[in-house]
Each structure stands twice: as C-alpha cells, then as structure tokens.
N, C-alpha and C. Protein backbone atom coordinates (compact mmCIF):
# COMPACT_ATOMS: atom_id res chain seq x y z
N MET A 1 -79.05 21.47 0.99
CA MET A 1 -78.15 20.58 0.24
C MET A 1 -76.93 21.40 -0.17
N ASP A 2 -75.79 20.93 0.22
CA ASP A 2 -74.57 21.62 -0.17
C ASP A 2 -73.82 20.81 -1.24
N ILE A 3 -72.66 21.28 -1.59
CA ILE A 3 -71.89 20.67 -2.68
C ILE A 3 -71.46 19.24 -2.34
N ASN A 4 -71.21 18.96 -1.09
CA ASN A 4 -70.78 17.61 -0.71
C ASN A 4 -71.90 16.59 -0.88
N ASP A 5 -73.14 17.00 -0.63
CA ASP A 5 -74.27 16.10 -0.88
C ASP A 5 -74.39 15.80 -2.37
N LEU A 6 -74.20 16.82 -3.19
CA LEU A 6 -74.27 16.64 -4.64
C LEU A 6 -73.15 15.71 -5.12
N ARG A 7 -71.97 15.87 -4.56
CA ARG A 7 -70.85 15.00 -4.92
C ARG A 7 -71.13 13.55 -4.53
N SER A 8 -71.73 13.36 -3.39
CA SER A 8 -72.08 12.00 -2.95
C SER A 8 -73.11 11.37 -3.87
N ILE A 9 -74.10 12.14 -4.27
CA ILE A 9 -75.13 11.62 -5.18
C ILE A 9 -74.53 11.26 -6.53
N VAL A 10 -73.66 12.11 -7.05
CA VAL A 10 -73.02 11.83 -8.34
C VAL A 10 -72.13 10.60 -8.24
N THR A 11 -71.44 10.43 -7.13
CA THR A 11 -70.59 9.24 -6.94
C THR A 11 -71.43 7.97 -6.92
N VAL A 12 -72.54 8.01 -6.21
CA VAL A 12 -73.42 6.83 -6.15
C VAL A 12 -74.01 6.53 -7.52
N LEU A 13 -74.42 7.56 -8.26
CA LEU A 13 -74.97 7.34 -9.60
C LEU A 13 -73.92 6.78 -10.56
N ALA A 14 -72.69 7.27 -10.47
CA ALA A 14 -71.62 6.75 -11.32
C ALA A 14 -71.32 5.29 -10.98
N PHE A 15 -71.33 4.96 -9.70
CA PHE A 15 -71.10 3.57 -9.29
C PHE A 15 -72.22 2.67 -9.80
N LEU A 16 -73.46 3.12 -9.70
CA LEU A 16 -74.58 2.32 -10.20
C LEU A 16 -74.50 2.14 -11.71
N ALA A 17 -74.07 3.17 -12.43
CA ALA A 17 -73.89 3.04 -13.87
C ALA A 17 -72.80 2.02 -14.18
N PHE A 18 -71.71 2.06 -13.44
CA PHE A 18 -70.63 1.10 -13.63
C PHE A 18 -71.10 -0.33 -13.38
N VAL A 19 -71.81 -0.53 -12.28
CA VAL A 19 -72.33 -1.87 -11.96
C VAL A 19 -73.30 -2.33 -13.03
N GLY A 20 -74.12 -1.44 -13.55
CA GLY A 20 -75.06 -1.79 -14.61
C GLY A 20 -74.35 -2.21 -15.89
N ILE A 21 -73.30 -1.51 -16.25
CA ILE A 21 -72.55 -1.86 -17.46
C ILE A 21 -71.85 -3.20 -17.29
N VAL A 22 -71.26 -3.44 -16.12
CA VAL A 22 -70.60 -4.73 -15.86
C VAL A 22 -71.62 -5.85 -15.89
N TRP A 23 -72.78 -5.65 -15.29
CA TRP A 23 -73.84 -6.66 -15.29
C TRP A 23 -74.29 -6.96 -16.71
N TRP A 24 -74.45 -5.91 -17.54
CA TRP A 24 -74.87 -6.10 -18.93
C TRP A 24 -73.80 -6.86 -19.71
N ALA A 25 -72.53 -6.52 -19.50
CA ALA A 25 -71.44 -7.14 -20.26
C ALA A 25 -71.28 -8.61 -19.92
N TYR A 26 -71.52 -8.99 -18.68
CA TYR A 26 -71.34 -10.37 -18.27
C TYR A 26 -72.64 -11.17 -18.23
N SER A 27 -73.71 -10.61 -18.76
CA SER A 27 -74.98 -11.34 -18.74
C SER A 27 -74.92 -12.53 -19.70
N SER A 28 -75.71 -13.53 -19.44
CA SER A 28 -75.69 -14.74 -20.26
C SER A 28 -76.24 -14.49 -21.66
N ARG A 29 -77.00 -13.44 -21.85
CA ARG A 29 -77.51 -13.12 -23.19
C ARG A 29 -76.40 -12.69 -24.12
N ARG A 30 -75.31 -12.15 -23.60
CA ARG A 30 -74.19 -11.68 -24.41
C ARG A 30 -73.18 -12.79 -24.69
N GLN A 31 -73.32 -13.94 -24.06
CA GLN A 31 -72.32 -15.00 -24.16
C GLN A 31 -72.15 -15.49 -25.60
N SER A 32 -73.24 -15.66 -26.33
CA SER A 32 -73.11 -16.14 -27.71
C SER A 32 -72.39 -15.13 -28.59
N ALA A 33 -72.61 -13.85 -28.37
CA ALA A 33 -71.91 -12.83 -29.15
C ALA A 33 -70.41 -12.85 -28.84
N TYR A 34 -70.05 -13.04 -27.58
CA TYR A 34 -68.64 -13.10 -27.21
C TYR A 34 -67.97 -14.36 -27.75
N GLU A 35 -68.68 -15.48 -27.76
CA GLU A 35 -68.11 -16.71 -28.32
C GLU A 35 -67.88 -16.56 -29.82
N GLU A 36 -68.81 -15.92 -30.51
CA GLU A 36 -68.65 -15.69 -31.94
C GLU A 36 -67.47 -14.76 -32.21
N ALA A 37 -67.33 -13.72 -31.42
CA ALA A 37 -66.21 -12.79 -31.58
C ALA A 37 -64.88 -13.46 -31.27
N ALA A 38 -64.87 -14.39 -30.34
CA ALA A 38 -63.64 -15.09 -29.99
C ALA A 38 -63.18 -16.01 -31.11
N ARG A 39 -64.10 -16.49 -31.93
CA ARG A 39 -63.74 -17.39 -33.03
C ARG A 39 -63.34 -16.64 -34.30
N LEU A 40 -63.57 -15.35 -34.38
CA LEU A 40 -63.29 -14.60 -35.60
C LEU A 40 -61.84 -14.73 -36.09
N PRO A 41 -60.83 -14.62 -35.24
CA PRO A 41 -59.46 -14.75 -35.75
C PRO A 41 -59.16 -16.14 -36.30
N LEU A 42 -59.85 -17.14 -35.82
CA LEU A 42 -59.59 -18.51 -36.27
C LEU A 42 -60.38 -18.88 -37.52
N ASP A 43 -61.37 -18.09 -37.87
CA ASP A 43 -62.22 -18.39 -39.01
C ASP A 43 -61.76 -17.71 -40.29
N ASP A 44 -60.53 -17.26 -40.35
CA ASP A 44 -60.02 -16.59 -41.54
C ASP A 44 -59.91 -17.60 -42.67
N ASP A 45 -60.61 -17.36 -43.77
CA ASP A 45 -60.64 -18.30 -44.88
C ASP A 45 -59.44 -18.15 -45.82
N SER A 46 -58.96 -16.93 -46.00
CA SER A 46 -57.88 -16.73 -46.96
C SER A 46 -56.53 -16.85 -46.26
N PRO A 47 -55.63 -17.67 -46.82
CA PRO A 47 -54.30 -17.79 -46.22
C PRO A 47 -53.48 -16.54 -46.52
N TYR A 48 -52.57 -16.24 -45.64
CA TYR A 48 -51.71 -15.08 -45.81
C TYR A 48 -50.56 -15.45 -46.74
N VAL A 49 -50.38 -14.66 -47.79
CA VAL A 49 -49.30 -14.88 -48.74
C VAL A 49 -48.38 -13.68 -48.67
N GLN A 50 -47.13 -13.93 -48.34
CA GLN A 50 -46.18 -12.84 -48.22
C GLN A 50 -45.62 -12.51 -49.59
N ASP A 51 -45.60 -11.24 -49.91
CA ASP A 51 -45.08 -10.77 -51.19
C ASP A 51 -43.69 -10.19 -50.94
N ASN A 52 -42.66 -10.97 -51.28
CA ASN A 52 -41.28 -10.52 -51.04
C ASN A 52 -40.83 -9.48 -52.04
N HIS A 53 -41.47 -9.39 -53.19
CA HIS A 53 -41.07 -8.41 -54.19
C HIS A 53 -41.33 -6.99 -53.69
N ALA A 54 -42.41 -6.80 -52.98
CA ALA A 54 -42.74 -5.47 -52.49
C ALA A 54 -41.75 -5.01 -51.42
N ALA A 55 -41.13 -5.93 -50.73
CA ALA A 55 -40.19 -5.59 -49.67
C ALA A 55 -38.76 -5.44 -50.20
N GLY A 56 -38.56 -5.67 -51.48
CA GLY A 56 -37.23 -5.54 -52.06
C GLY A 56 -36.40 -6.80 -51.97
N HIS A 57 -37.02 -7.93 -51.72
CA HIS A 57 -36.31 -9.21 -51.65
C HIS A 57 -36.71 -10.05 -52.86
N PRO A 58 -35.84 -10.16 -53.85
CA PRO A 58 -36.20 -10.95 -55.04
C PRO A 58 -36.23 -12.44 -54.74
N GLU A 59 -37.01 -13.17 -55.54
CA GLU A 59 -37.07 -14.63 -55.38
C GLU A 59 -35.76 -15.24 -55.82
N LYS A 60 -35.41 -16.36 -55.23
CA LYS A 60 -34.17 -17.04 -55.59
C LYS A 60 -34.47 -18.21 -56.46
C-alpha cells in the first residue's frame, strides 16, 4: 500500500461522511425542527420601538 492508496481511501471516507451528513440534514425526522426554526423570525412577540433620543434626534 502506497500513499496514493491511502489518499484514495481518505477521499472515499470523506465523501461517505459528506453524503451521510447531507442525508441526515434532509431526513424527514428533521423537517419539524426546520419548520419551527423557519417560523422563529415571525413569532417575535415584542414590537420594535426605535429610541431616537439615543441617536441624537430629539422628538418634535
């Protein structure tokens, strides 16, 4: 076994790890977690209030 065989084995193992991570990320078990995360920006309960005094702009 020379260095090129080792490089080939490492390349195949890295590819299999990549495919495994992609398969895990797109599995249907993760779908509910992704849907919940997608709704987080829309579920903000507190409205944003801009404070003009801190920026040096007095109220009129």
